[in-house]
Amino acid sequence: MAAQYGNLSTRLREAGDYIADNPVSIATRSLRTLASESNLAPATFTRLAHALEYENFEELRETMRDQIGRRVSPFADRADRLQKDAADPQDSFLNRYAAATQDNIAALTAAIEPGRLEAVADKLAAARRVVLLGALGSTGIAEYTAYIANFLGDNWELGARAGSSLGATLAGLDERDAVLVITKPPFARSTIRSAIHAHEQGAYVALITDSRSCPALHAADETFIVPTDSPHFYTSYVATLFLLEAILALVAKRAGPRATERIAEVERRNRLLDEVYAR
């Protein structure tokens, strides 16, 4: 739908928005009920299904049910399904996993309107402080992002780094600052509360998640819904890393000679402190 969105009529876009915002209702309720709740004619949903190359609305509904099943089922259930997978031996898991992650990146790229990433990069590059928030499965991704960002400047910091206070990190945030949030189900309570708190303080909040049910959605100035579908038992972060690396590249582009000088200085000190292996 993201790829076709720009070609849809106003009514079909409204139906598409309703589907994206209410996946569970689409999967479980009758077409008549959906039409009544959305104030759209049943035929509008049927036309949308045809525009998205489905035979009918029921086929679109089945796709939604399948995606919801993959997203909300516990990791243990997914692992059990993975172990019982009876796929064609000629179609290896590696090939299916590669295809899924490539599809996720393609869908994400198609869904991001021109200028959105540029606008986020502008905000992050101009911010006095940038706080990165990510816990549970997103912890390592946030740490990796902070590691790369610290080459560009010392104003990027990781929220709740081991031994530090999250409250201390968020103290003093205002409209001059930005917060980059990475969170996926099951949502870490500390991340959600921190994102909302940062928003209430006036900071710019950019949110990366894979679900429109994210409790911090209302606190975000910009949101990226990243596809994570895969045959794996755990959430795929491949498309998320793709997005974060693209954002960091755009921030580096805006940093100019100052960033180049800092990167060179960081590399020099890494060698001086014998942090990196050198022949």
C-alpha atoms as a PDB file:
ATOM      1  CA  MET A   1       0.000   0.000   0.000  1.00  0.00           C
ATOM      2  CA  ALA A   2       2.892   2.331   0.747  1.00  0.00           C
ATOM      3  CA  ALA A   3       4.224   1.869  -2.777  1.00  0.00           C
ATOM      4  CA  GLN A   4       0.814   2.596  -4.346  1.00  0.00           C
ATOM      5  CA  TYR A   5      -0.280   5.341  -1.951  1.00  0.00           C
ATOM      6  CA  GLY A   6       0.648   8.253  -4.205  1.00  0.00           C
ATOM      7  CA  ASN A   7      -1.467   6.826  -7.043  1.00  0.00           C
ATOM      8  CA  LEU A   8      -4.618   6.312  -4.984  1.00  0.00           C
ATOM      9  CA  SER A   9      -7.648   8.597  -5.051  1.00  0.00           C
ATOM     10  CA  THR A  10      -8.569  10.601  -1.962  1.00  0.00           C
ATOM     11  CA  ARG A  11     -11.252   8.075  -0.948  1.00  0.00           C
ATOM     12  CA  LEU A  12      -8.948   5.106  -1.414  1.00  0.00           C
ATOM     13  CA  ARG A  13      -6.276   6.855   0.644  1.00  0.00           C
ATOM     14  CA  GLU A  14      -8.815   7.318   3.435  1.00  0.00           C
ATOM     15  CA  ALA A  15      -9.614   3.610   3.287  1.00  0.00           C
ATOM     16  CA  GLY A  16      -5.900   2.802   3.272  1.00  0.00           C
ATOM     17  CA  ASP A  17      -5.288   5.019   6.296  1.00  0.00           C
ATOM     18  CA  TYR A  18      -8.155   3.335   8.133  1.00  0.00           C
ATOM     19  CA  ILE A  19      -6.712  -0.110   7.387  1.00  0.00           C
ATOM     20  CA  ALA A  20      -3.235   0.923   8.550  1.00  0.00           C
ATOM     21  CA  ASP A  21      -4.606   2.417  11.781  1.00  0.00           C
ATOM     22  CA  ASN A  22      -7.032  -0.443  12.566  1.00  0.00           C
ATOM     23  CA  PRO A  23      -5.408  -3.737  11.520  1.00  0.00           C
ATOM     24  CA  VAL A  24      -7.144  -5.836  14.168  1.00  0.00           C
ATOM     25  CA  SER A  25     -10.578  -4.506  13.193  1.00  0.00           C
ATOM     26  CA  ILE A  26      -9.847  -5.212   9.533  1.00  0.00           C
ATOM     27  CA  ALA A  27      -8.907  -8.782  10.383  1.00  0.00           C
ATOM     28  CA  THR A  28     -11.855  -9.526  12.669  1.00  0.00           C
ATOM     29  CA  ARG A  29     -14.883  -7.382  11.801  1.00  0.00           C
ATOM     30  CA  SER A  30     -17.347  -7.508   8.921  1.00  0.00           C
ATOM     31  CA  LEU A  31     -16.994  -5.235   5.917  1.00  0.00           C
ATOM     32  CA  ARG A  32     -20.352  -3.640   6.734  1.00  0.00           C
ATOM     33  CA  THR A  33     -19.134  -2.779  10.256  1.00  0.00           C
ATOM     34  CA  LEU A  34     -15.865  -1.380   8.940  1.00  0.00           C
ATOM     35  CA  ALA A  35     -17.715   0.779   6.439  1.00  0.00           C
ATOM     36  CA  SER A  36     -19.998   2.121   9.148  1.00  0.00           C
ATOM     37  CA  GLU A  37     -17.163   2.931  11.556  1.00  0.00           C
ATOM     38  CA  SER A  38     -14.992   4.563   8.895  1.00  0.00           C
ATOM     39  CA  ASN A  39     -17.836   6.465   7.182  1.00  0.00           C
ATOM     40  CA  LEU A  40     -16.759   4.929   3.897  1.00  0.00           C
ATOM     41  CA  ALA A  41     -18.798   2.820   1.486  1.00  0.00           C
ATOM     42  CA  PRO A  42     -18.086  -0.935   1.451  1.00  0.00           C
ATOM     43  CA  ALA A  43     -17.292  -0.605  -2.237  1.00  0.00           C
ATOM     44  CA  THR A  44     -14.431   1.759  -1.362  1.00  0.00           C
ATOM     45  CA  PHE A  45     -12.632  -1.024   0.502  1.00  0.00           C
ATOM     46  CA  THR A  46     -13.275  -3.395  -2.387  1.00  0.00           C
ATOM     47  CA  ARG A  47     -11.839  -0.891  -4.872  1.00  0.00           C
ATOM     48  CA  LEU A  48      -8.798  -0.435  -2.622  1.00  0.00           C
ATOM     49  CA  ALA A  49      -8.238  -4.202  -2.573  1.00  0.00           C
ATOM     50  CA  HIS A  50      -8.354  -4.252  -6.387  1.00  0.00           C
ATOM     51  CA  ALA A  51      -5.965  -1.275  -6.574  1.00  0.00           C
ATOM     52  CA  LEU A  52      -3.530  -3.210  -4.385  1.00  0.00           C
ATOM     53  CA  GLU A  53      -3.840  -6.195  -6.756  1.00  0.00           C
ATOM     54  CA  TYR A  54      -5.949  -8.422  -4.516  1.00  0.00           C
ATOM     55  CA  GLU A  55      -8.804 -10.427  -6.008  1.00  0.00           C
ATOM     56  CA  ASN A  56     -11.216  -9.081  -3.405  1.00  0.00           C
ATOM     57  CA  PHE A  57     -11.372  -7.530   0.046  1.00  0.00           C
ATOM     58  CA  GLU A  58     -11.419 -10.949   1.741  1.00  0.00           C
ATOM     59  CA  GLU A  59      -8.010 -11.732   0.267  1.00  0.00           C
ATOM     60  CA  LEU A  60      -6.691  -8.438   1.642  1.00  0.00           C
ATOM     61  CA  ARG A  61      -8.233  -9.309   5.015  1.00  0.00           C
ATOM     62  CA  GLU A  62      -6.431 -12.680   5.041  1.00  0.00           C
ATOM     63  CA  THR A  63      -3.128 -10.912   4.442  1.00  0.00           C
ATOM     64  CA  MET A  64      -3.831  -8.654   7.431  1.00  0.00           C
ATOM     65  CA  ARG A  65      -4.661 -11.667   9.596  1.00  0.00           C
ATOM     66  CA  ASP A  66      -1.422 -13.359   8.626  1.00  0.00           C
ATOM     67  CA  GLN A  67       0.659 -10.271   9.414  1.00  0.00           C
ATOM     68  CA  ILE A  68      -1.092  -9.731  12.744  1.00  0.00           C
ATOM     69  CA  GLY A  69      -0.462 -13.362  13.642  1.00  0.00           C
ATOM     70  CA  ARG A  70       3.239 -12.971  12.975  1.00  0.00           C
ATOM     71  CA  ARG A  71       3.463  -9.732  14.944  1.00  0.00           C
ATOM     72  CA  VAL A  72       1.463 -10.500  18.067  1.00  0.00           C
ATOM     73  CA  SER A  73       2.255 -14.161  18.593  1.00  0.00           C
ATOM     74  CA  PRO A  74       4.768 -14.730  21.409  1.00  0.00           C
ATOM     75  CA  PHE A  75       8.374 -15.355  20.453  1.00  0.00           C
ATOM     76  CA  ALA A  76       8.094 -18.905  21.817  1.00  0.00           C
ATOM     77  CA  ASP A  77       5.191 -19.636  19.437  1.00  0.00           C
ATOM     78  CA  ARG A  78       7.191 -18.262  16.505  1.00  0.00           C
ATOM     79  CA  ALA A  79      10.184 -20.382  17.499  1.00  0.00           C
ATOM     80  CA  ASP A  80       7.945 -23.457  17.629  1.00  0.00           C
ATOM     81  CA  ARG A  81       6.564 -22.651  14.175  1.00  0.00           C
ATOM     82  CA  LEU A  82      10.085 -22.129  12.868  1.00  0.00           C
ATOM     83  CA  GLN A  83      11.187 -25.540  14.185  1.00  0.00           C
ATOM     84  CA  LYS A  84       8.189 -27.222  12.557  1.00  0.00           C
ATOM     85  CA  ASP A  85       8.641 -25.383   9.272  1.00  0.00           C
ATOM     86  CA  ALA A  86       8.180 -27.859   6.435  1.00  0.00           C
ATOM     87  CA  ALA A  87       9.200 -25.530   3.618  1.00  0.00           C
ATOM     88  CA  ASP A  88      10.566 -26.793   0.326  1.00  0.00           C
ATOM     89  CA  PRO A  89      14.171 -27.908   1.029  1.00  0.00           C
ATOM     90  CA  GLN A  90      15.176 -26.204  -2.210  1.00  0.00           C
ATOM     91  CA  ASP A  91      13.968 -22.929  -0.734  1.00  0.00           C
ATOM     92  CA  SER A  92      16.441 -22.514   2.130  1.00  0.00           C
ATOM     93  CA  PHE A  93      15.755 -20.489   5.259  1.00  0.00           C
ATOM     94  CA  LEU A  94      18.618 -18.190   4.302  1.00  0.00           C
ATOM     95  CA  ASN A  95      16.997 -17.394   0.959  1.00  0.00           C
ATOM     96  CA  ARG A  96      13.586 -16.797   2.533  1.00  0.00           C
ATOM     97  CA  TYR A  97      15.087 -14.654   5.274  1.00  0.00           C
ATOM     98  CA  ALA A  98      17.076 -12.625   2.744  1.00  0.00           C
ATOM     99  CA  ALA A  99      13.980 -12.105   0.600  1.00  0.00           C
ATOM    100  CA  ALA A 100      11.944 -10.965   3.631  1.00  0.00           C
ATOM    101  CA  THR A 101      14.528  -8.426   4.760  1.00  0.00           C
ATOM    102  CA  GLN A 102      14.953  -7.106   1.228  1.00  0.00           C
ATOM    103  CA  ASP A 103      11.171  -6.709   0.969  1.00  0.00           C
ATOM    104  CA  ASN A 104      11.168  -4.845   4.297  1.00  0.00           C
ATOM    105  CA  ILE A 105      13.798  -2.379   3.079  1.00  0.00           C
ATOM    106  CA  ALA A 106      11.987  -1.891  -0.239  1.00  0.00           C
ATOM    107  CA  ALA A 107       8.664  -1.263   1.535  1.00  0.00           C
ATOM    108  CA  LEU A 108      10.268   1.179   3.965  1.00  0.00           C
ATOM    109  CA  THR A 109      11.952   3.097   1.160  1.00  0.00           C
ATOM    110  CA  ALA A 110       8.690   3.344  -0.775  1.00  0.00           C
ATOM    111  CA  ALA A 111       6.794   4.554   2.306  1.00  0.00           C
ATOM    112  CA  ILE A 112       9.110   7.447   3.161  1.00  0.00           C
ATOM    113  CA  GLU A 113       8.030  10.587   1.357  1.00  0.00           C
ATOM    114  CA  PRO A 114      10.776  12.756  -0.174  1.00  0.00           C
ATOM    115  CA  GLY A 115      12.134  15.217   2.324  1.00  0.00           C
ATOM    116  CA  ARG A 116      11.139  13.391   5.508  1.00  0.00           C
ATOM    117  CA  LEU A 117      14.584  11.994   6.188  1.00  0.00           C
ATOM    118  CA  GLU A 118      16.136  15.322   5.219  1.00  0.00           C
ATOM    119  CA  ALA A 119      13.920  17.133   7.727  1.00  0.00           C
ATOM    120  CA  VAL A 120      14.845  14.695  10.516  1.00  0.00           C
ATOM    121  CA  ALA A 121      18.538  15.044   9.676  1.00  0.00           C
ATOM    122  CA  ASP A 122      18.167  18.841   9.817  1.00  0.00           C
ATOM    123  CA  LYS A 123      16.683  18.625  13.310  1.00  0.00           C
ATOM    124  CA  LEU A 124      19.301  16.198  14.622  1.00  0.00           C
ATOM    125  CA  ALA A 125      22.213  18.102  13.092  1.00  0.00           C
ATOM    126  CA  ALA A 126      21.021  21.386  14.579  1.00  0.00           C
ATOM    127  CA  ALA A 127      20.155  20.047  18.048  1.00  0.00           C
ATOM    128  CA  ARG A 128      22.130  21.114  21.082  1.00  0.00           C
ATOM    129  CA  ARG A 129      21.834  17.579  22.463  1.00  0.00           C
ATOM    130  CA  VAL A 130      20.603  14.354  20.898  1.00  0.00           C
ATOM    131  CA  VAL A 131      19.504  11.600  23.265  1.00  0.00           C
ATOM    132  CA  LEU A 132      19.155   8.036  21.959  1.00  0.00           C
ATOM    133  CA  LEU A 133      16.560   5.827  23.622  1.00  0.00           C
ATOM    134  CA  GLY A 134      16.401   2.061  23.122  1.00  0.00           C
ATOM    135  CA  ALA A 135      15.917  -0.804  25.557  1.00  0.00           C
ATOM    136  CA  LEU A 136      15.377  -4.569  25.499  1.00  0.00           C
ATOM    137  CA  GLY A 137      15.886  -5.717  21.895  1.00  0.00           C
ATOM    138  CA  SER A 138      16.644  -2.163  20.792  1.00  0.00           C
ATOM    139  CA  THR A 139      19.486  -1.684  23.280  1.00  0.00           C
ATOM    140  CA  GLY A 140      22.278  -2.835  20.993  1.00  0.00           C
ATOM    141  CA  ILE A 141      20.859  -0.889  18.043  1.00  0.00           C
ATOM    142  CA  ALA A 142      20.818   2.316  20.101  1.00  0.00           C
ATOM    143  CA  GLU A 143      24.381   1.666  21.300  1.00  0.00           C
ATOM    144  CA  TYR A 144      25.595   1.095  17.738  1.00  0.00           C
ATOM    145  CA  THR A 145      23.907   4.331  16.612  1.00  0.00           C
ATOM    146  CA  ALA A 146      25.512   6.244  19.487  1.00  0.00           C
ATOM    147  CA  TYR A 147      28.937   4.808  18.646  1.00  0.00           C
ATOM    148  CA  ILE A 148      28.719   6.029  15.035  1.00  0.00           C
ATOM    149  CA  ALA A 149      27.168   9.374  15.990  1.00  0.00           C
ATOM    150  CA  ASN A 150      29.941  10.101  18.486  1.00  0.00           C
ATOM    151  CA  PHE A 151      32.365  10.295  15.568  1.00  0.00           C
ATOM    152  CA  LEU A 152      30.395  13.361  14.441  1.00  0.00           C
ATOM    153  CA  GLY A 153      30.129  15.201  17.746  1.00  0.00           C
ATOM    154  CA  ASP A 154      30.070  14.887  21.514  1.00  0.00           C
ATOM    155  CA  ASN A 155      26.465  16.057  21.809  1.00  0.00           C
ATOM    156  CA  TRP A 156      24.990  12.596  21.121  1.00  0.00           C
ATOM    157  CA  GLU A 157      24.340  10.537  24.242  1.00  0.00           C
ATOM    158  CA  LEU A 158      22.775   7.198  25.035  1.00  0.00           C
ATOM    159  CA  GLY A 159      19.934   7.266  27.529  1.00  0.00           C
ATOM    160  CA  ALA A 160      20.371   4.942  30.528  1.00  0.00           C
ATOM    161  CA  ARG A 161      23.857   3.809  29.589  1.00  0.00           C
ATOM    162  CA  ALA A 162      25.083   1.244  32.103  1.00  0.00           C
ATOM    163  CA  GLY A 163      25.621   2.957  35.433  1.00  0.00           C
ATOM    164  CA  SER A 164      23.896   6.196  34.446  1.00  0.00           C
ATOM    165  CA  SER A 165      20.567   7.652  35.483  1.00  0.00           C
ATOM    166  CA  LEU A 166      17.883   8.002  32.821  1.00  0.00           C
ATOM    167  CA  GLY A 167      16.421  10.894  34.778  1.00  0.00           C
ATOM    168  CA  ALA A 168      19.773  12.675  34.732  1.00  0.00           C
ATOM    169  CA  THR A 169      20.063  12.177  30.964  1.00  0.00           C
ATOM    170  CA  LEU A 170      16.626  13.696  30.336  1.00  0.00           C
ATOM    171  CA  ALA A 171      17.068  16.556  32.804  1.00  0.00           C
ATOM    172  CA  GLY A 172      17.237  19.959  31.150  1.00  0.00           C
ATOM    173  CA  LEU A 173      15.884  18.918  27.756  1.00  0.00           C
ATOM    174  CA  ASP A 174      14.013  21.655  25.914  1.00  0.00           C
ATOM    175  CA  GLU A 175      13.130  22.836  22.404  1.00  0.00           C
ATOM    176  CA  ARG A 176      16.830  23.052  21.509  1.00  0.00           C
ATOM    177  CA  ASP A 177      17.256  19.293  21.912  1.00  0.00           C
ATOM    178  CA  ALA A 178      16.211  16.137  20.095  1.00  0.00           C
ATOM    179  CA  VAL A 179      15.439  12.578  21.117  1.00  0.00           C
ATOM    180  CA  LEU A 180      15.719   9.594  18.754  1.00  0.00           C
ATOM    181  CA  VAL A 181      13.613   6.682  19.991  1.00  0.00           C
ATOM    182  CA  ILE A 182      13.888   3.052  18.863  1.00  0.00           C
ATOM    183  CA  THR A 183      11.211   0.770  20.289  1.00  0.00           C
ATOM    184  CA  LYS A 184       9.326  -2.331  19.176  1.00  0.00           C
ATOM    185  CA  PRO A 185       6.945  -4.776  20.853  1.00  0.00           C
ATOM    186  CA  PRO A 186       7.178  -5.704  23.613  1.00  0.00           C
ATOM    187  CA  PHE A 187       7.658  -2.012  24.343  1.00  0.00           C
ATOM    188  CA  ALA A 188      10.058  -1.127  27.142  1.00  0.00           C
ATOM    189  CA  ARG A 189       8.177   0.931  29.707  1.00  0.00           C
ATOM    190  CA  SER A 190      11.223   3.133  30.392  1.00  0.00           C
ATOM    191  CA  THR A 191      11.576   4.024  26.706  1.00  0.00           C
ATOM    192  CA  ILE A 192       7.912   4.929  26.285  1.00  0.00           C
ATOM    193  CA  ARG A 193       7.796   7.045  29.425  1.00  0.00           C
ATOM    194  CA  SER A 194      11.047   8.798  28.509  1.00  0.00           C
ATOM    195  CA  ALA A 195       9.812   9.634  24.996  1.00  0.00           C
ATOM    196  CA  ILE A 196       6.618  11.144  26.389  1.00  0.00           C
ATOM    197  CA  HIS A 197       8.562  13.027  29.053  1.00  0.00           C
ATOM    198  CA  ALA A 198      10.967  14.463  26.447  1.00  0.00           C
ATOM    199  CA  HIS A 199       8.015  15.590  24.328  1.00  0.00           C
ATOM    200  CA  GLU A 200       6.423  17.318  27.319  1.00  0.00           C
ATOM    201  CA  GLN A 201       9.693  19.166  27.893  1.00  0.00           C
ATOM    202  CA  GLY A 202       9.574  20.536  24.355  1.00  0.00           C
ATOM    203  CA  ALA A 203      12.291  18.389  22.761  1.00  0.00           C
ATOM    204  CA  TYR A 204      11.957  17.209  19.166  1.00  0.00           C
ATOM    205  CA  VAL A 205      11.095  13.496  19.181  1.00  0.00           C
ATOM    206  CA  ALA A 206      11.749  11.165  16.238  1.00  0.00           C
ATOM    207  CA  LEU A 207      10.282   7.694  16.729  1.00  0.00           C
ATOM    208  CA  ILE A 208      11.278   4.462  14.975  1.00  0.00           C
ATOM    209  CA  THR A 209       8.926   1.535  15.600  1.00  0.00           C
ATOM    210  CA  ASP A 210       7.158  -1.228  13.707  1.00  0.00           C
ATOM    211  CA  SER A 211       3.649  -0.767  15.061  1.00  0.00           C
ATOM    212  CA  ARG A 212       1.013   1.950  14.959  1.00  0.00           C
ATOM    213  CA  SER A 213      -0.032   0.747  18.406  1.00  0.00           C
ATOM    214  CA  CYS A 214       3.178   2.135  19.929  1.00  0.00           C
ATOM    215  CA  PRO A 215       2.175   4.040  23.108  1.00  0.00           C
ATOM    216  CA  ALA A 216       4.648   6.843  22.306  1.00  0.00           C
ATOM    217  CA  LEU A 217       3.172   7.574  18.880  1.00  0.00           C
ATOM    218  CA  HIS A 218       1.317  10.668  20.056  1.00  0.00           C
ATOM    219  CA  ALA A 219       4.513  12.132  21.543  1.00  0.00           C
ATOM    220  CA  ALA A 220       6.521  11.949  18.294  1.00  0.00           C
ATOM    221  CA  ASP A 221       7.122  14.851  15.932  1.00  0.00           C
ATOM    222  CA  GLU A 222       8.150  12.345  13.243  1.00  0.00           C
ATOM    223  CA  THR A 223       7.438   8.628  13.112  1.00  0.00           C
ATOM    224  CA  PHE A 224       8.841   5.880  10.925  1.00  0.00           C
ATOM    225  CA  ILE A 225       6.918   2.597  10.863  1.00  0.00           C
ATOM    226  CA  VAL A 226       9.566   0.060   9.873  1.00  0.00           C
ATOM    227  CA  PRO A 227       8.510  -3.306   8.368  1.00  0.00           C
ATOM    228  CA  THR A 228       9.915  -6.248  10.336  1.00  0.00           C
ATOM    229  CA  ASP A 229       8.297  -9.309   8.728  1.00  0.00           C
ATOM    230  CA  SER A 230      10.538 -12.382   8.493  1.00  0.00           C
ATOM    231  CA  PRO A 231      10.498 -16.149   9.050  1.00  0.00           C
ATOM    232  CA  HIS A 232      12.701 -15.612  12.122  1.00  0.00           C
ATOM    233  CA  PHE A 233      11.236 -16.058  15.610  1.00  0.00           C
ATOM    234  CA  TYR A 234      12.441 -12.599  16.683  1.00  0.00           C
ATOM    235  CA  THR A 235      11.778  -9.142  15.314  1.00  0.00           C
ATOM    236  CA  SER A 236      13.976  -8.241  12.353  1.00  0.00           C
ATOM    237  CA  TYR A 237      16.092  -5.103  12.824  1.00  0.00           C
ATOM    238  CA  VAL A 238      17.659  -5.133   9.346  1.00  0.00           C
ATOM    239  CA  ALA A 239      15.425  -2.398   7.918  1.00  0.00           C
ATOM    240  CA  THR A 240      15.796  -0.421  11.151  1.00  0.00           C
ATOM    241  CA  LEU A 241      19.586  -0.418  10.815  1.00  0.00           C
ATOM    242  CA  PHE A 242      19.217   0.591   7.176  1.00  0.00           C
ATOM    243  CA  LEU A 243      17.096   3.583   8.215  1.00  0.00           C
ATOM    244  CA  LEU A 244      19.388   4.637  11.079  1.00  0.00           C
ATOM    245  CA  GLU A 245      22.508   4.447   8.927  1.00  0.00           C
ATOM    246  CA  ALA A 246      20.803   6.568   6.278  1.00  0.00           C
ATOM    247  CA  ILE A 247      19.873   9.176   8.899  1.00  0.00           C
ATOM    248  CA  LEU A 248      23.420   9.244  10.293  1.00  0.00           C
ATOM    249  CA  ALA A 249      24.852   9.681   6.796  1.00  0.00           C
ATOM    250  CA  LEU A 250      22.589  12.683   6.211  1.00  0.00           C
ATOM    251  CA  VAL A 251      23.578  14.173   9.577  1.00  0.00           C
ATOM    252  CA  ALA A 252      27.260  13.706   8.682  1.00  0.00           C
ATOM    253  CA  LYS A 253      26.632  15.436   5.372  1.00  0.00           C
ATOM    254  CA  ARG A 254      25.309  18.471   7.221  1.00  0.00           C
ATOM    255  CA  ALA A 255      28.149  18.542   9.736  1.00  0.00           C
ATOM    256  CA  GLY A 256      30.687  19.634   7.116  1.00  0.00           C
ATOM    257  CA  PRO A 257      34.437  20.117   7.736  1.00  0.00           C
ATOM    258  CA  ARG A 258      33.955  20.223  11.503  1.00  0.00           C
ATOM    259  CA  ALA A 259      32.829  16.588  11.490  1.00  0.00           C
ATOM    260  CA  THR A 260      35.693  15.551   9.228  1.00  0.00           C
ATOM    261  CA  GLU A 261      38.188  17.112  11.619  1.00  0.00           C
ATOM    262  CA  ARG A 262      36.576  15.417  14.609  1.00  0.00           C
ATOM    263  CA  ILE A 263      36.542  11.999  12.913  1.00  0.00           C
ATOM    264  CA  ALA A 264      40.240  12.362  12.127  1.00  0.00           C
ATOM    265  CA  GLU A 265      40.911  13.360  15.750  1.00  0.00           C
ATOM    266  CA  VAL A 266      38.936  10.383  17.095  1.00  0.00           C
ATOM    267  CA  GLU A 267      40.866   8.016  14.841  1.00  0.00           C
ATOM    268  CA  ARG A 268      44.170   9.563  15.930  1.00  0.00           C
ATOM    269  CA  ARG A 269      43.319   9.162  19.612  1.00  0.00           C
ATOM    270  CA  ASN A 270      42.120   5.581  19.061  1.00  0.00           C
ATOM    271  CA  ARG A 271      45.565   4.752  17.737  1.00  0.00           C
ATOM    272  CA  LEU A 272      47.276   6.752  20.464  1.00  0.00           C
ATOM    273  CA  LEU A 273      45.389   4.853  23.168  1.00  0.00           C
ATOM    274  CA  ASP A 274      46.020   1.557  21.376  1.00  0.00           C
ATOM    275  CA  GLU A 275      42.284   0.903  21.093  1.00  0.00           C
ATOM    276  CA  VAL A 276      42.535  -0.393  17.538  1.00  0.00           C
ATOM    277  CA  TYR A 277      44.742  -3.081  16.035  1.00  0.00           C
ATOM    278  CA  ALA A 278      47.415  -1.626  13.764  1.00  0.00           C
ATOM    279  CA  ARG A 279      49.978  -3.554  11.735  1.00  0.00           C
END
